[in-house]
Amino acid sequence: MIRFLKTFYGSDDGAVTVDWVVLCAAIVGLAIAIITGIQTGALTMTGNVGTFFETNFFQGE
């Protein structure tokens, strides 16, 4: 039993797994933040282009 506990205590496999989980979670969170920022900018730009066309080219219709 003591040998098992020494082996368990000295093993770092679980720590490596935790590091990878944290790293992957950070990458996913960063990707979500980037996609949200791009989506917001694209929607704003689309609205601005639509407003530009409505005010400059479709006034007589």
N, C-alpha and C. Protein backbone atom coordinates (compact mmCIF):
# COMPACT_ATOMS: atom_id res chain seq x y z
N MET A 1 0.83 -1.20 0.00
CA MET A 1 0.00 0.00 0.00
C MET A 1 0.87 1.26 0.00
N ILE A 2 1.94 1.23 0.77
CA ILE A 2 2.82 2.40 0.83
C ILE A 2 3.51 2.60 -0.51
N ARG A 3 3.90 1.50 -1.16
CA ARG A 3 4.52 1.62 -2.48
C ARG A 3 3.54 2.23 -3.49
N PHE A 4 2.28 1.82 -3.41
CA PHE A 4 1.25 2.40 -4.29
C PHE A 4 1.11 3.90 -4.06
N LEU A 5 1.09 4.33 -2.80
CA LEU A 5 0.95 5.75 -2.50
C LEU A 5 2.17 6.54 -2.97
N LYS A 6 3.36 5.98 -2.84
CA LYS A 6 4.57 6.67 -3.32
C LYS A 6 4.53 6.80 -4.84
N THR A 7 4.11 5.74 -5.51
CA THR A 7 4.00 5.79 -6.97
C THR A 7 2.93 6.80 -7.39
N PHE A 8 1.81 6.79 -6.71
CA PHE A 8 0.73 7.72 -7.02
C PHE A 8 1.16 9.16 -6.79
N TYR A 9 1.86 9.40 -5.71
CA TYR A 9 2.32 10.75 -5.37
C TYR A 9 3.38 11.24 -6.35
N GLY A 10 4.22 10.36 -6.83
CA GLY A 10 5.29 10.73 -7.75
C GLY A 10 4.85 10.84 -9.20
N SER A 11 3.68 10.33 -9.53
CA SER A 11 3.21 10.36 -10.90
C SER A 11 2.73 11.76 -11.26
N ASP A 12 3.09 12.23 -12.46
CA ASP A 12 2.66 13.56 -12.89
C ASP A 12 1.74 13.49 -14.11
N ASP A 13 1.19 12.33 -14.42
CA ASP A 13 0.30 12.19 -15.57
C ASP A 13 -0.96 13.03 -15.40
N GLY A 14 -1.52 13.06 -14.22
CA GLY A 14 -2.73 13.85 -13.98
C GLY A 14 -2.47 15.34 -14.12
N ALA A 15 -1.30 15.78 -13.69
CA ALA A 15 -0.96 17.20 -13.80
C ALA A 15 -0.83 17.62 -15.26
N VAL A 16 -0.27 16.76 -16.08
CA VAL A 16 -0.15 17.05 -17.51
C VAL A 16 -1.54 17.13 -18.14
N THR A 17 -2.42 16.24 -17.74
CA THR A 17 -3.79 16.26 -18.26
C THR A 17 -4.49 17.56 -17.89
N VAL A 18 -4.34 17.99 -16.66
CA VAL A 18 -4.95 19.24 -16.23
C VAL A 18 -4.39 20.41 -17.02
N ASP A 19 -3.08 20.41 -17.27
CA ASP A 19 -2.48 21.48 -18.08
C ASP A 19 -3.08 21.52 -19.47
N TRP A 20 -3.25 20.37 -20.09
CA TRP A 20 -3.83 20.34 -21.44
C TRP A 20 -5.29 20.79 -21.44
N VAL A 21 -6.04 20.40 -20.42
CA VAL A 21 -7.45 20.81 -20.34
C VAL A 21 -7.54 22.33 -20.20
N VAL A 22 -6.71 22.92 -19.36
CA VAL A 22 -6.72 24.37 -19.17
C VAL A 22 -6.30 25.07 -20.45
N LEU A 23 -5.27 24.56 -21.12
CA LEU A 23 -4.82 25.15 -22.38
C LEU A 23 -5.90 25.09 -23.45
N CYS A 24 -6.55 23.95 -23.58
CA CYS A 24 -7.62 23.81 -24.58
C CYS A 24 -8.81 24.72 -24.26
N ALA A 25 -9.15 24.84 -22.99
CA ALA A 25 -10.25 25.72 -22.60
C ALA A 25 -9.92 27.17 -22.92
N ALA A 26 -8.67 27.57 -22.72
CA ALA A 26 -8.26 28.94 -23.04
C ALA A 26 -8.33 29.19 -24.55
N ILE A 27 -7.93 28.22 -25.34
CA ILE A 27 -7.99 28.37 -26.80
C ILE A 27 -9.43 28.46 -27.27
N VAL A 28 -10.30 27.64 -26.73
CA VAL A 28 -11.72 27.69 -27.12
C VAL A 28 -12.34 29.03 -26.71
N GLY A 29 -12.03 29.50 -25.51
CA GLY A 29 -12.56 30.80 -25.06
C GLY A 29 -12.07 31.94 -25.93
N LEU A 30 -10.81 31.90 -26.31
CA LEU A 30 -10.26 32.93 -27.19
C LEU A 30 -10.91 32.89 -28.57
N ALA A 31 -11.14 31.70 -29.08
CA ALA A 31 -11.80 31.56 -30.38
C ALA A 31 -13.22 32.11 -30.34
N ILE A 32 -13.94 31.83 -29.27
CA ILE A 32 -15.30 32.35 -29.13
C ILE A 32 -15.29 33.87 -29.06
N ALA A 33 -14.34 34.45 -28.35
CA ALA A 33 -14.25 35.90 -28.25
C ALA A 33 -13.93 36.52 -29.61
N ILE A 34 -13.05 35.91 -30.37
CA ILE A 34 -12.70 36.42 -31.69
C ILE A 34 -13.89 36.33 -32.64
N ILE A 35 -14.58 35.21 -32.64
CA ILE A 35 -15.73 35.04 -33.52
C ILE A 35 -16.82 36.04 -33.17
N THR A 36 -17.05 36.28 -31.89
CA THR A 36 -18.06 37.25 -31.48
C THR A 36 -17.69 38.65 -31.95
N GLY A 37 -16.43 39.02 -31.83
CA GLY A 37 -15.98 40.33 -32.28
C GLY A 37 -16.12 40.50 -33.78
N ILE A 38 -15.77 39.49 -34.53
CA ILE A 38 -15.90 39.55 -35.99
C ILE A 38 -17.37 39.63 -36.38
N GLN A 39 -18.20 38.86 -35.72
CA GLN A 39 -19.63 38.86 -36.04
C GLN A 39 -20.25 40.24 -35.76
N THR A 40 -19.90 40.83 -34.64
CA THR A 40 -20.43 42.14 -34.29
C THR A 40 -19.99 43.18 -35.32
N GLY A 41 -18.71 43.17 -35.69
CA GLY A 41 -18.21 44.11 -36.68
C GLY A 41 -18.85 43.91 -38.04
N ALA A 42 -19.05 42.66 -38.43
CA ALA A 42 -19.67 42.38 -39.73
C ALA A 42 -21.12 42.85 -39.75
N LEU A 43 -21.85 42.65 -38.68
CA LEU A 43 -23.24 43.10 -38.65
C LEU A 43 -23.34 44.63 -38.68
N THR A 44 -22.44 45.29 -37.98
CA THR A 44 -22.41 46.75 -37.99
C THR A 44 -22.09 47.27 -39.39
N MET A 45 -21.10 46.65 -40.04
CA MET A 45 -20.72 47.08 -41.38
C MET A 45 -21.85 46.85 -42.37
N THR A 46 -22.53 45.73 -42.25
CA THR A 46 -23.66 45.44 -43.14
C THR A 46 -24.75 46.48 -42.97
N GLY A 47 -25.05 46.85 -41.75
CA GLY A 47 -26.06 47.89 -41.51
C GLY A 47 -25.63 49.23 -42.08
N ASN A 48 -24.36 49.58 -41.94
CA ASN A 48 -23.87 50.84 -42.48
C ASN A 48 -23.93 50.86 -44.00
N VAL A 49 -23.59 49.77 -44.64
CA VAL A 49 -23.66 49.70 -46.11
C VAL A 49 -25.11 49.81 -46.57
N GLY A 50 -26.01 49.11 -45.88
CA GLY A 50 -27.43 49.20 -46.22
C GLY A 50 -27.96 50.62 -46.09
N THR A 51 -27.58 51.30 -45.02
CA THR A 51 -28.00 52.69 -44.82
C THR A 51 -27.42 53.59 -45.90
N PHE A 52 -26.18 53.37 -46.27
CA PHE A 52 -25.55 54.17 -47.32
C PHE A 52 -26.30 54.03 -48.64
N PHE A 53 -26.61 52.79 -49.01
CA PHE A 53 -27.33 52.58 -50.27
C PHE A 53 -28.74 53.16 -50.23
N GLU A 54 -29.41 53.01 -49.11
CA GLU A 54 -30.76 53.54 -48.98
C GLU A 54 -30.77 55.07 -49.11
N THR A 55 -29.80 55.74 -48.50
CA THR A 55 -29.81 57.20 -48.51
C THR A 55 -29.26 57.78 -49.79
N ASN A 56 -28.39 57.08 -50.50
CA ASN A 56 -27.74 57.64 -51.68
C ASN A 56 -28.28 57.14 -53.00
N PHE A 57 -28.84 55.98 -53.06
CA PHE A 57 -29.23 55.43 -54.35
C PHE A 57 -30.73 55.12 -54.47
N PHE A 58 -31.42 54.96 -53.40
CA PHE A 58 -32.83 54.54 -53.46
C PHE A 58 -33.75 55.61 -52.89
N GLN A 59 -33.43 56.86 -53.10
CA GLN A 59 -34.26 57.93 -52.55
C GLN A 59 -35.53 58.15 -53.36
N GLY A 60 -35.48 57.94 -54.67
CA GLY A 60 -36.63 58.24 -55.52
C GLY A 60 -37.65 57.13 -55.59
N GLU A 61 -37.37 55.96 -55.05
CA GLU A 61 -38.31 54.85 -55.20
C GLU A 61 -39.33 54.81 -54.10
